[in-house]
PDB file of N, CA and C in Angstrom:
ATOM      1  N   MET A   1       0.835  -1.170   0.000  1.00  0.00           N
ATOM      2  CA  MET A   1       0.000   0.000   0.000  1.00  0.00           C
ATOM      3  C   MET A   1       0.887   1.243   0.000  1.00  0.00           C
ATOM      4  N   GLU A   2       0.620   2.147  -0.881  1.00  0.00           N
ATOM      5  CA  GLU A   2       1.435   3.351  -1.026  1.00  0.00           C
ATOM      6  C   GLU A   2       0.906   4.469  -0.133  1.00  0.00           C
ATOM      7  N   ARG A   3       1.800   5.162   0.488  1.00  0.00           N
ATOM      8  CA  ARG A   3       1.432   6.259   1.380  1.00  0.00           C
ATOM      9  C   ARG A   3       1.190   7.528   0.553  1.00  0.00           C
ATOM     10  N   ASN A   4       0.106   8.216   0.845  1.00  0.00           N
ATOM     11  CA  ASN A   4      -0.164   9.487   0.175  1.00  0.00           C
ATOM     12  C   ASN A   4       0.811  10.542   0.671  1.00  0.00           C
ATOM     13  N   SER A   5       1.060  11.545  -0.163  1.00  0.00           N
ATOM     14  CA  SER A   5       2.031  12.569   0.206  1.00  0.00           C
ATOM     15  C   SER A   5       1.574  13.419   1.392  1.00  0.00           C
ATOM     16  N   ASN A   6       0.285  13.436   1.709  1.00  0.00           N
ATOM     17  CA  ASN A   6      -0.199  14.245   2.822  1.00  0.00           C
ATOM     18  C   ASN A   6      -0.198  13.469   4.138  1.00  0.00           C
ATOM     19  N   GLN A   7       0.249  12.232   4.130  1.00  0.00           N
ATOM     20  CA  GLN A   7       0.323  11.447   5.356  1.00  0.00           C
ATOM     21  C   GLN A   7       1.689  11.614   5.989  1.00  0.00           C
ATOM     22  N   GLU A   8       1.714  11.612   7.330  1.00  0.00           N
ATOM     23  CA  GLU A   8       2.956  11.743   8.070  1.00  0.00           C
ATOM     24  C   GLU A   8       3.105  10.541   8.988  1.00  0.00           C
ATOM     25  N   SER A   9       4.353  10.255   9.344  1.00  0.00           N
ATOM     26  CA  SER A   9       4.572   9.165  10.279  1.00  0.00           C
ATOM     27  C   SER A   9       4.110   9.598  11.666  1.00  0.00           C
ATOM     28  N   LEU A  10       3.831   8.631  12.508  1.00  0.00           N
ATOM     29  CA  LEU A  10       3.402   8.921  13.876  1.00  0.00           C
ATOM     30  C   LEU A  10       4.475   9.729  14.612  1.00  0.00           C
ATOM     31  N   GLY A  11       5.729   9.389  14.413  1.00  0.00           N
ATOM     32  CA  GLY A  11       6.826  10.116  15.041  1.00  0.00           C
ATOM     33  C   GLY A  11       6.845  11.589  14.642  1.00  0.00           C
ATOM     34  N   GLU A  12       6.595  11.864  13.365  1.00  0.00           N
ATOM     35  CA  GLU A  12       6.557  13.256  12.891  1.00  0.00           C
ATOM     36  C   GLU A  12       5.408  14.020  13.530  1.00  0.00           C
ATOM     37  N   VAL A  13       4.274  13.385  13.636  1.00  0.00           N
ATOM     38  CA  VAL A  13       3.105  14.019  14.245  1.00  0.00           C
ATOM     39  C   VAL A  13       3.366  14.314  15.725  1.00  0.00           C
ATOM     40  N   ILE A  14       3.956  13.357  16.434  1.00  0.00           N
ATOM     41  CA  ILE A  14       4.260  13.555  17.857  1.00  0.00           C
ATOM     42  C   ILE A  14       5.263  14.688  18.028  1.00  0.00           C
ATOM     43  N   ARG A  15       6.309  14.735  17.182  1.00  0.00           N
ATOM     44  CA  ARG A  15       7.287  15.827  17.256  1.00  0.00           C
ATOM     45  C   ARG A  15       6.626  17.186  17.035  1.00  0.00           C
ATOM     46  N   LYS A  16       5.717  17.253  16.083  1.00  0.00           N
ATOM     47  CA  LYS A  16       5.017  18.510  15.810  1.00  0.00           C
ATOM     48  C   LYS A  16       4.138  18.924  16.990  1.00  0.00           C
ATOM     49  N   LEU A  17       3.477  17.957  17.615  1.00  0.00           N
ATOM     50  CA  LEU A  17       2.663  18.262  18.792  1.00  0.00           C
ATOM     51  C   LEU A  17       3.528  18.774  19.941  1.00  0.00           C
ATOM     52  N   ILE A  18       4.638  18.107  20.188  1.00  0.00           N
ATOM     53  CA  ILE A  18       5.557  18.532  21.248  1.00  0.00           C
ATOM     54  C   ILE A  18       6.037  19.958  20.983  1.00  0.00           C
ATOM     55  N   ASP A  19       6.408  20.242  19.739  1.00  0.00           N
ATOM     56  CA  ASP A  19       6.868  21.589  19.384  1.00  0.00           C
ATOM     57  C   ASP A  19       5.751  22.616  19.505  1.00  0.00           C
ATOM     58  N   SER A  20       4.565  22.284  19.017  1.00  0.00           N
ATOM     59  CA  SER A  20       3.478  23.266  19.019  1.00  0.00           C
ATOM     60  C   SER A  20       2.998  23.602  20.423  1.00  0.00           C
ATOM     61  N   TYR A  21       3.112  22.664  21.356  1.00  0.00           N
ATOM     62  CA  TYR A  21       2.710  22.927  22.738  1.00  0.00           C
ATOM     63  C   TYR A  21       3.888  23.360  23.613  1.00  0.00           C
ATOM     64  N   GLY A  22       5.066  23.484  23.015  1.00  0.00           N
ATOM     65  CA  GLY A  22       6.244  23.933  23.757  1.00  0.00           C
ATOM     66  C   GLY A  22       6.663  22.975  24.860  1.00  0.00           C
ATOM     67  N   LEU A  23       6.567  21.692  24.603  1.00  0.00           N
ATOM     68  CA  LEU A  23       6.850  20.686  25.622  1.00  0.00           C
ATOM     69  C   LEU A  23       8.256  20.103  25.560  1.00  0.00           C
ATOM     70  N   GLN A  24       9.065  20.507  24.586  1.00  0.00           N
ATOM     71  CA  GLN A  24      10.383  19.891  24.422  1.00  0.00           C
ATOM     72  C   GLN A  24      11.258  20.065  25.655  1.00  0.00           C
ATOM     73  N   ASN A  25      11.273  21.263  26.230  1.00  0.00           N
ATOM     74  CA  ASN A  25      12.126  21.482  27.400  1.00  0.00           C
ATOM     75  C   ASN A  25      11.656  20.662  28.596  1.00  0.00           C
ATOM     76  N   LYS A  26      10.362  20.578  28.816  1.00  0.00           N
ATOM     77  CA  LYS A  26       9.844  19.791  29.940  1.00  0.00           C
ATOM     78  C   LYS A  26      10.138  18.309  29.725  1.00  0.00           C
ATOM     79  N   LEU A  27       9.974  17.846  28.510  1.00  0.00           N
ATOM     80  CA  LEU A  27      10.283  16.452  28.188  1.00  0.00           C
ATOM     81  C   LEU A  27      11.768  16.173  28.416  1.00  0.00           C
ATOM     82  N   SER A  28      12.626  17.091  28.003  1.00  0.00           N
ATOM     83  CA  SER A  28      14.062  16.928  28.227  1.00  0.00           C
ATOM     84  C   SER A  28      14.375  16.895  29.720  1.00  0.00           C
ATOM     85  N   GLU A  29      13.685  17.716  30.509  1.00  0.00           N
ATOM     86  CA  GLU A  29      13.908  17.736  31.955  1.00  0.00           C
ATOM     87  C   GLU A  29      13.538  16.395  32.592  1.00  0.00           C
ATOM     88  N   VAL A  30      12.411  15.843  32.202  1.00  0.00           N
ATOM     89  CA  VAL A  30      11.973  14.554  32.738  1.00  0.00           C
ATOM     90  C   VAL A  30      12.983  13.464  32.367  1.00  0.00           C
ATOM     91  N   GLN A  31      13.448  13.489  31.131  1.00  0.00           N
ATOM     92  CA  GLN A  31      14.426  12.497  30.693  1.00  0.00           C
ATOM     93  C   GLN A  31      15.747  12.659  31.453  1.00  0.00           C
ATOM     94  N   LEU A  32      16.153  13.898  31.703  1.00  0.00           N
ATOM     95  CA  LEU A  32      17.391  14.146  32.435  1.00  0.00           C
ATOM     96  C   LEU A  32      17.296  13.626  33.866  1.00  0.00           C
ATOM     97  N   VAL A  33      16.202  13.913  34.536  1.00  0.00           N
ATOM     98  CA  VAL A  33      16.031  13.443  35.918  1.00  0.00           C
ATOM     99  C   VAL A  33      16.079  11.921  35.964  1.00  0.00           C
ATOM    100  N   LYS A  34      15.425  11.299  35.003  1.00  0.00           N
ATOM    101  CA  LYS A  34      15.392   9.834  34.964  1.00  0.00           C
ATOM    102  C   LYS A  34      16.776   9.234  34.717  1.00  0.00           C
ATOM    103  N   ALA A  35      17.598   9.912  33.919  1.00  0.00           N
ATOM    104  CA  ALA A  35      18.910   9.379  33.546  1.00  0.00           C
ATOM    105  C   ALA A  35      20.053  10.085  34.279  1.00  0.00           C
ATOM    106  N   TRP A  36      19.762  10.796  35.368  1.00  0.00           N
ATOM    107  CA  TRP A  36      20.771  11.605  36.052  1.00  0.00           C
ATOM    108  C   TRP A  36      22.018  10.801  36.428  1.00  0.00           C
ATOM    109  N   GLU A  37      21.843   9.610  36.975  1.00  0.00           N
ATOM    110  CA  GLU A  37      22.990   8.783  37.361  1.00  0.00           C
ATOM    111  C   GLU A  37      23.848   8.427  36.148  1.00  0.00           C
ATOM    112  N   GLU A  38      23.207   8.131  35.042  1.00  0.00           N
ATOM    113  CA  GLU A  38      23.926   7.804  33.807  1.00  0.00           C
ATOM    114  C   GLU A  38      24.700   9.028  33.282  1.00  0.00           C
ATOM    115  N   VAL A  39      24.139  10.201  33.450  1.00  0.00           N
ATOM    116  CA  VAL A  39      24.750  11.422  32.929  1.00  0.00           C
ATOM    117  C   VAL A  39      25.952  11.857  33.766  1.00  0.00           C
ATOM    118  N   VAL A  40      25.816  11.861  35.097  1.00  0.00           N
ATOM    119  CA  VAL A  40      26.877  12.412  35.954  1.00  0.00           C
ATOM    120  C   VAL A  40      27.625  11.369  36.773  1.00  0.00           C
ATOM    121  N   GLY A  41      27.128  10.164  36.831  1.00  0.00           N
ATOM    122  CA  GLY A  41      27.779   9.118  37.607  1.00  0.00           C
ATOM    123  C   GLY A  41      27.088   8.883  38.937  1.00  0.00           C
ATOM    124  N   ALA A  42      27.343   7.706  39.497  1.00  0.00           N
ATOM    125  CA  ALA A  42      26.644   7.264  40.709  1.00  0.00           C
ATOM    126  C   ALA A  42      26.977   8.109  41.927  1.00  0.00           C
ATOM    127  N   SER A  43      28.233   8.530  42.083  1.00  0.00           N
ATOM    128  CA  SER A  43      28.606   9.261  43.299  1.00  0.00           C
ATOM    129  C   SER A  43      27.924  10.623  43.375  1.00  0.00           C
ATOM    130  N   ILE A  44      27.827  11.323  42.262  1.00  0.00           N
ATOM    131  CA  ILE A  44      27.132  12.616  42.258  1.00  0.00           C
ATOM    132  C   ILE A  44      25.631  12.403  42.392  1.00  0.00           C
ATOM    133  N   ALA A  45      25.106  11.434  41.669  1.00  0.00           N
ATOM    134  CA  ALA A  45      23.657  11.171  41.712  1.00  0.00           C
ATOM    135  C   ALA A  45      23.203  10.790  43.121  1.00  0.00           C
ATOM    136  N   ARG A  46      24.020  10.057  43.833  1.00  0.00           N
ATOM    137  CA  ARG A  46      23.669   9.618  45.183  1.00  0.00           C
ATOM    138  C   ARG A  46      23.480  10.806  46.134  1.00  0.00           C
ATOM    139  N   HIS A  47      24.195  11.897  45.883  1.00  0.00           N
ATOM    140  CA  HIS A  47      24.124  13.072  46.755  1.00  0.00           C
ATOM    141  C   HIS A  47      23.219  14.179  46.207  1.00  0.00           C
ATOM    142  N   THR A  48      22.590  13.934  45.068  1.00  0.00           N
ATOM    143  CA  THR A  48      21.683  14.920  44.477  1.00  0.00           C
ATOM    144  C   THR A  48      20.287  14.691  45.034  1.00  0.00           C
ATOM    145  N   THR A  49      19.733  15.720  45.651  1.00  0.00           N
ATOM    146  CA  THR A  49      18.403  15.592  46.251  1.00  0.00           C
ATOM    147  C   THR A  49      17.321  16.286  45.434  1.00  0.00           C
ATOM    148  N   GLU A  50      17.725  17.178  44.529  1.00  0.00           N
ATOM    149  CA  GLU A  50      16.740  17.883  43.700  1.00  0.00           C
ATOM    150  C   GLU A  50      17.397  18.313  42.398  1.00  0.00           C
ATOM    151  N   ILE A  51      16.652  18.155  41.300  1.00  0.00           N
ATOM    152  CA  ILE A  51      17.110  18.569  39.976  1.00  0.00           C
ATOM    153  C   ILE A  51      15.920  19.185  39.262  1.00  0.00           C
ATOM    154  N   TYR A  52      16.105  20.380  38.725  1.00  0.00           N
ATOM    155  CA  TYR A  52      15.091  20.930  37.827  1.00  0.00           C
ATOM    156  C   TYR A  52      15.719  21.998  36.946  1.00  0.00           C
ATOM    157  N   VAL A  53      15.042  22.279  35.835  1.00  0.00           N
ATOM    158  CA  VAL A  53      15.522  23.263  34.877  1.00  0.00           C
ATOM    159  C   VAL A  53      14.451  24.330  34.729  1.00  0.00           C
ATOM    160  N   LYS A  54      14.885  25.588  34.817  1.00  0.00           N
ATOM    161  CA  LYS A  54      13.955  26.706  34.648  1.00  0.00           C
ATOM    162  C   LYS A  54      14.649  27.786  33.822  1.00  0.00           C
ATOM    163  N   ASN A  55      14.041  28.139  32.711  1.00  0.00           N
ATOM    164  CA  ASN A  55      14.563  29.192  31.832  1.00  0.00           C
ATOM    165  C   ASN A  55      16.032  28.985  31.471  1.00  0.00           C
ATOM    166  N   GLY A  56      16.396  27.764  31.141  1.00  0.00           N
ATOM    167  CA  GLY A  56      17.757  27.469  30.706  1.00  0.00           C
ATOM    168  C   GLY A  56      18.772  27.315  31.823  1.00  0.00           C
ATOM    169  N   THR A  57      18.313  27.343  33.075  1.00  0.00           N
ATOM    170  CA  THR A  57      19.216  27.178  34.212  1.00  0.00           C
ATOM    171  C   THR A  57      18.922  25.858  34.900  1.00  0.00           C
ATOM    172  N   LEU A  58      19.961  25.065  35.090  1.00  0.00           N
ATOM    173  CA  LEU A  58      19.853  23.799  35.806  1.00  0.00           C
ATOM    174  C   LEU A  58      20.097  24.063  37.279  1.00  0.00           C
ATOM    175  N   PHE A  59      19.136  23.714  38.113  1.00  0.00           N
ATOM    176  CA  PHE A  59      19.256  23.874  39.556  1.00  0.00           C
ATOM    177  C   PHE A  59      19.487  22.502  40.179  1.00  0.00           C
ATOM    178  N   LEU A  60      20.528  22.411  40.986  1.00  0.00           N
ATOM    179  CA  LEU A  60      20.867  21.168  41.672  1.00  0.00           C
ATOM    180  C   LEU A  60      20.920  21.431  43.166  1.00  0.00           C
ATOM    181  N   ARG A  61      20.356  20.532  43.938  1.00  0.00           N
ATOM    182  CA  ARG A  61      20.488  20.588  45.390  1.00  0.00           C
ATOM    183  C   ARG A  61      21.225  19.322  45.805  1.00  0.00           C
ATOM    184  N   LEU A  62      22.308  19.512  46.549  1.00  0.00           N
ATOM    185  CA  LEU A  62      23.144  18.394  46.985  1.00  0.00           C
ATOM    186  C   LEU A  62      23.140  18.311  48.505  1.00  0.00           C
ATOM    187  N   ASP A  63      23.286  17.103  49.028  1.00  0.00           N
ATOM    188  CA  ASP A  63      23.314  16.922  50.481  1.00  0.00           C
ATOM    189  C   ASP A  63      24.740  16.862  51.031  1.00  0.00           C
ATOM    190  N   SER A  64      25.719  17.175  50.215  1.00  0.00           N
ATOM    191  CA  SER A  64      27.120  17.132  50.626  1.00  0.00           C
ATOM    192  C   SER A  64      27.786  18.479  50.327  1.00  0.00           C
ATOM    193  N   SER A  65      28.215  19.165  51.375  1.00  0.00           N
ATOM    194  CA  SER A  65      28.874  20.457  51.185  1.00  0.00           C
ATOM    195  C   SER A  65      30.209  20.299  50.454  1.00  0.00           C
ATOM    196  N   VAL A  66      30.901  19.197  50.700  1.00  0.00           N
ATOM    197  CA  VAL A  66      32.176  18.946  50.034  1.00  0.00           C
ATOM    198  C   VAL A  66      31.958  18.772  48.527  1.00  0.00           C
ATOM    199  N   LEU A  67      30.989  17.966  48.159  1.00  0.00           N
ATOM    200  CA  LEU A  67      30.689  17.749  46.741  1.00  0.00           C
ATOM    201  C   LEU A  67      30.159  19.030  46.101  1.00  0.00           C
ATOM    202  N   ARG A  68      29.348  19.771  46.831  1.00  0.00           N
ATOM    203  CA  ARG A  68      28.821  21.045  46.327  1.00  0.00           C
ATOM    204  C   ARG A  68      29.980  21.990  45.973  1.00  0.00           C
ATOM    205  N   GLU A  69      30.966  22.075  46.850  1.00  0.00           N
ATOM    206  CA  GLU A  69      32.133  22.928  46.602  1.00  0.00           C
ATOM    207  C   GLU A  69      32.929  22.424  45.400  1.00  0.00           C
ATOM    208  N   GLU A  70      33.121  21.124  45.331  1.00  0.00           N
ATOM    209  CA  GLU A  70      33.874  20.528  44.220  1.00  0.00           C
ATOM    210  C   GLU A  70      33.179  20.762  42.890  1.00  0.00           C
ATOM    211  N   LEU A  71      31.870  20.564  42.857  1.00  0.00           N
ATOM    212  CA  LEU A  71      31.121  20.732  41.605  1.00  0.00           C
ATOM    213  C   LEU A  71      31.005  22.188  41.182  1.00  0.00           C
ATOM    214  N   SER A  72      31.124  23.105  42.129  1.00  0.00           N
ATOM    215  CA  SER A  72      31.040  24.517  41.761  1.00  0.00           C
ATOM    216  C   SER A  72      32.176  24.902  40.807  1.00  0.00           C
ATOM    217  N   TYR A  73      33.285  24.160  40.861  1.00  0.00           N
ATOM    218  CA  TYR A  73      34.398  24.395  39.935  1.00  0.00           C
ATOM    219  C   TYR A  73      34.239  23.623  38.623  1.00  0.00           C
ATOM    220  N   GLY A  74      33.267  22.711  38.573  1.00  0.00           N
ATOM    221  CA  GLY A  74      33.064  21.887  37.389  1.00  0.00           C
ATOM    222  C   GLY A  74      31.756  22.158  36.669  1.00  0.00           C
ATOM    223  N   LYS A  75      31.238  23.370  36.801  1.00  0.00           N
ATOM    224  CA  LYS A  75      29.948  23.696  36.179  1.00  0.00           C
ATOM    225  C   LYS A  75      29.988  23.574  34.653  1.00  0.00           C
ATOM    226  N   ASP A  76      31.120  23.949  34.045  1.00  0.00           N
ATOM    227  CA  ASP A  76      31.232  23.843  32.591  1.00  0.00           C
ATOM    228  C   ASP A  76      31.106  22.391  32.134  1.00  0.00           C
ATOM    229  N   ARG A  77      31.694  21.492  32.912  1.00  0.00           N
ATOM    230  CA  ARG A  77      31.621  20.057  32.571  1.00  0.00           C
ATOM    231  C   ARG A  77      30.184  19.553  32.719  1.00  0.00           C
ATOM    232  N   ILE A  78      29.483  20.013  33.746  1.00  0.00           N
ATOM    233  CA  ILE A  78      28.079  19.624  33.921  1.00  0.00           C
ATOM    234  C   ILE A  78      27.252  20.116  32.738  1.00  0.00           C
ATOM    235  N   LEU A  79      27.504  21.353  32.300  1.00  0.00           N
ATOM    236  CA  LEU A  79      26.808  21.884  31.117  1.00  0.00           C
ATOM    237  C   LEU A  79      27.057  21.000  29.896  1.00  0.00           C
ATOM    238  N   GLU A  80      28.300  20.607  29.688  1.00  0.00           N
ATOM    239  CA  GLU A  80      28.638  19.736  28.556  1.00  0.00           C
ATOM    240  C   GLU A  80      27.879  18.416  28.635  1.00  0.00           C
ATOM    241  N   LEU A  81      27.879  17.808  29.818  1.00  0.00           N
ATOM    242  CA  LEU A  81      27.219  16.514  29.986  1.00  0.00           C
ATOM    243  C   LEU A  81      25.715  16.616  29.759  1.00  0.00           C
ATOM    244  N   VAL A  82      25.093  17.631  30.334  1.00  0.00           N
ATOM    245  CA  VAL A  82      23.640  17.784  30.229  1.00  0.00           C
ATOM    246  C   VAL A  82      23.232  18.115  28.797  1.00  0.00           C
ATOM    247  N   ASN A  83      23.926  19.052  28.165  1.00  0.00           N
ATOM    248  CA  ASN A  83      23.585  19.412  26.792  1.00  0.00           C
ATOM    249  C   ASN A  83      23.920  18.285  25.819  1.00  0.00           C
ATOM    250  N   GLY A  84      24.969  17.545  26.110  1.00  0.00           N
ATOM    251  CA  GLY A  84      25.287  16.370  25.291  1.00  0.00           C
ATOM    252  C   GLY A  84      24.194  15.319  25.395  1.00  0.00           C
ATOM    253  N   PHE A  85      23.692  15.121  26.603  1.00  0.00           N
ATOM    254  CA  PHE A  85      22.592  14.184  26.811  1.00  0.00           C
ATOM    255  C   PHE A  85      21.354  14.631  26.045  1.00  0.00           C
ATOM    256  N   ALA A  86      21.052  15.928  26.091  1.00  0.00           N
ATOM    257  CA  ALA A  86      19.862  16.460  25.415  1.00  0.00           C
ATOM    258  C   ALA A  86      20.041  16.519  23.903  1.00  0.00           C
ATOM    259  N   GLY A  87      21.287  16.502  23.440  1.00  0.00           N
ATOM    260  CA  GLY A  87      21.542  16.572  22.006  1.00  0.00           C
ATOM    261  C   GLY A  87      21.363  17.975  21.439  1.00  0.00           C
ATOM    262  N   ARG A  88      21.389  18.967  22.308  1.00  0.00           N
ATOM    263  CA  ARG A  88      21.234  20.358  21.871  1.00  0.00           C
ATOM    264  C   ARG A  88      21.670  21.266  23.020  1.00  0.00           C
ATOM    265  N   THR A  89      21.893  22.526  22.705  1.00  0.00           N
ATOM    266  CA  THR A  89      22.201  23.488  23.756  1.00  0.00           C
ATOM    267  C   THR A  89      20.887  23.888  24.407  1.00  0.00           C
ATOM    268  N   TRP A  90      20.692  23.395  25.590  1.00  0.00           N
ATOM    269  CA  TRP A  90      19.427  23.571  26.291  1.00  0.00           C
ATOM    270  C   TRP A  90      19.652  24.308  27.592  1.00  0.00           C
ATOM    271  N   VAL A  91      20.692  23.933  28.323  1.00  0.00           N
ATOM    272  CA  VAL A  91      21.010  24.543  29.600  1.00  0.00           C
ATOM    273  C   VAL A  91      22.216  25.460  29.405  1.00  0.00           C
ATOM    274  N   THR A  92      22.130  26.688  29.927  1.00  0.00           N
ATOM    275  CA  THR A  92      23.214  27.648  29.770  1.00  0.00           C
ATOM    276  C   THR A  92      23.879  28.029  31.083  1.00  0.00           C
ATOM    277  N   GLU A  93      23.276  27.617  32.198  1.00  0.00           N
ATOM    278  CA  GLU A  93      23.824  27.960  33.503  1.00  0.00           C
ATOM    279  C   GLU A  93      23.502  26.847  34.494  1.00  0.00           C
ATOM    280  N   VAL A  94      24.363  26.685  35.496  1.00  0.00           N
ATOM    281  CA  VAL A  94      24.153  25.701  36.556  1.00  0.00           C
ATOM    282  C   VAL A  94      24.206  26.410  37.901  1.00  0.00           C
ATOM    283  N   VAL A  95      23.190  26.175  38.725  1.00  0.00           N
ATOM    284  CA  VAL A  95      23.159  26.698  40.090  1.00  0.00           C
ATOM    285  C   VAL A  95      23.159  25.510  41.032  1.00  0.00           C
ATOM    286  N   ILE A  96      24.134  25.484  41.942  1.00  0.00           N
ATOM    287  CA  ILE A  96      24.279  24.377  42.871  1.00  0.00           C
ATOM    288  C   ILE A  96      24.004  24.900  44.282  1.00  0.00           C
ATOM    289  N   ARG A  97      23.081  24.244  44.965  1.00  0.00           N
ATOM    290  CA  ARG A  97      22.706  24.663  46.319  1.00  0.00           C
ATOM    291  C   ARG A  97      22.951  23.550  47.301  1.00  0.00           C
TER     292      ARG A  97
END
């Protein structure tokens, strides 16, 4: 059966819906939270108590002051890891609390 030129794949339709409702950033945030250990490693993930993204800023809350201090010097690396995971430049700043 031949597909008509006005038909789109389900994936294309879903992508258009996500774009039209502006859900890409929220979807990326959910995926990041789910894969946080894979993105940054088990030791950082174990001490992360909160993760969220707002207006291009990644907010992290850690339960270790030592790790918080150490990561404050590695914010550029966190940006690389998170944006690499997302496959696009999505996060431009990291705030660690």
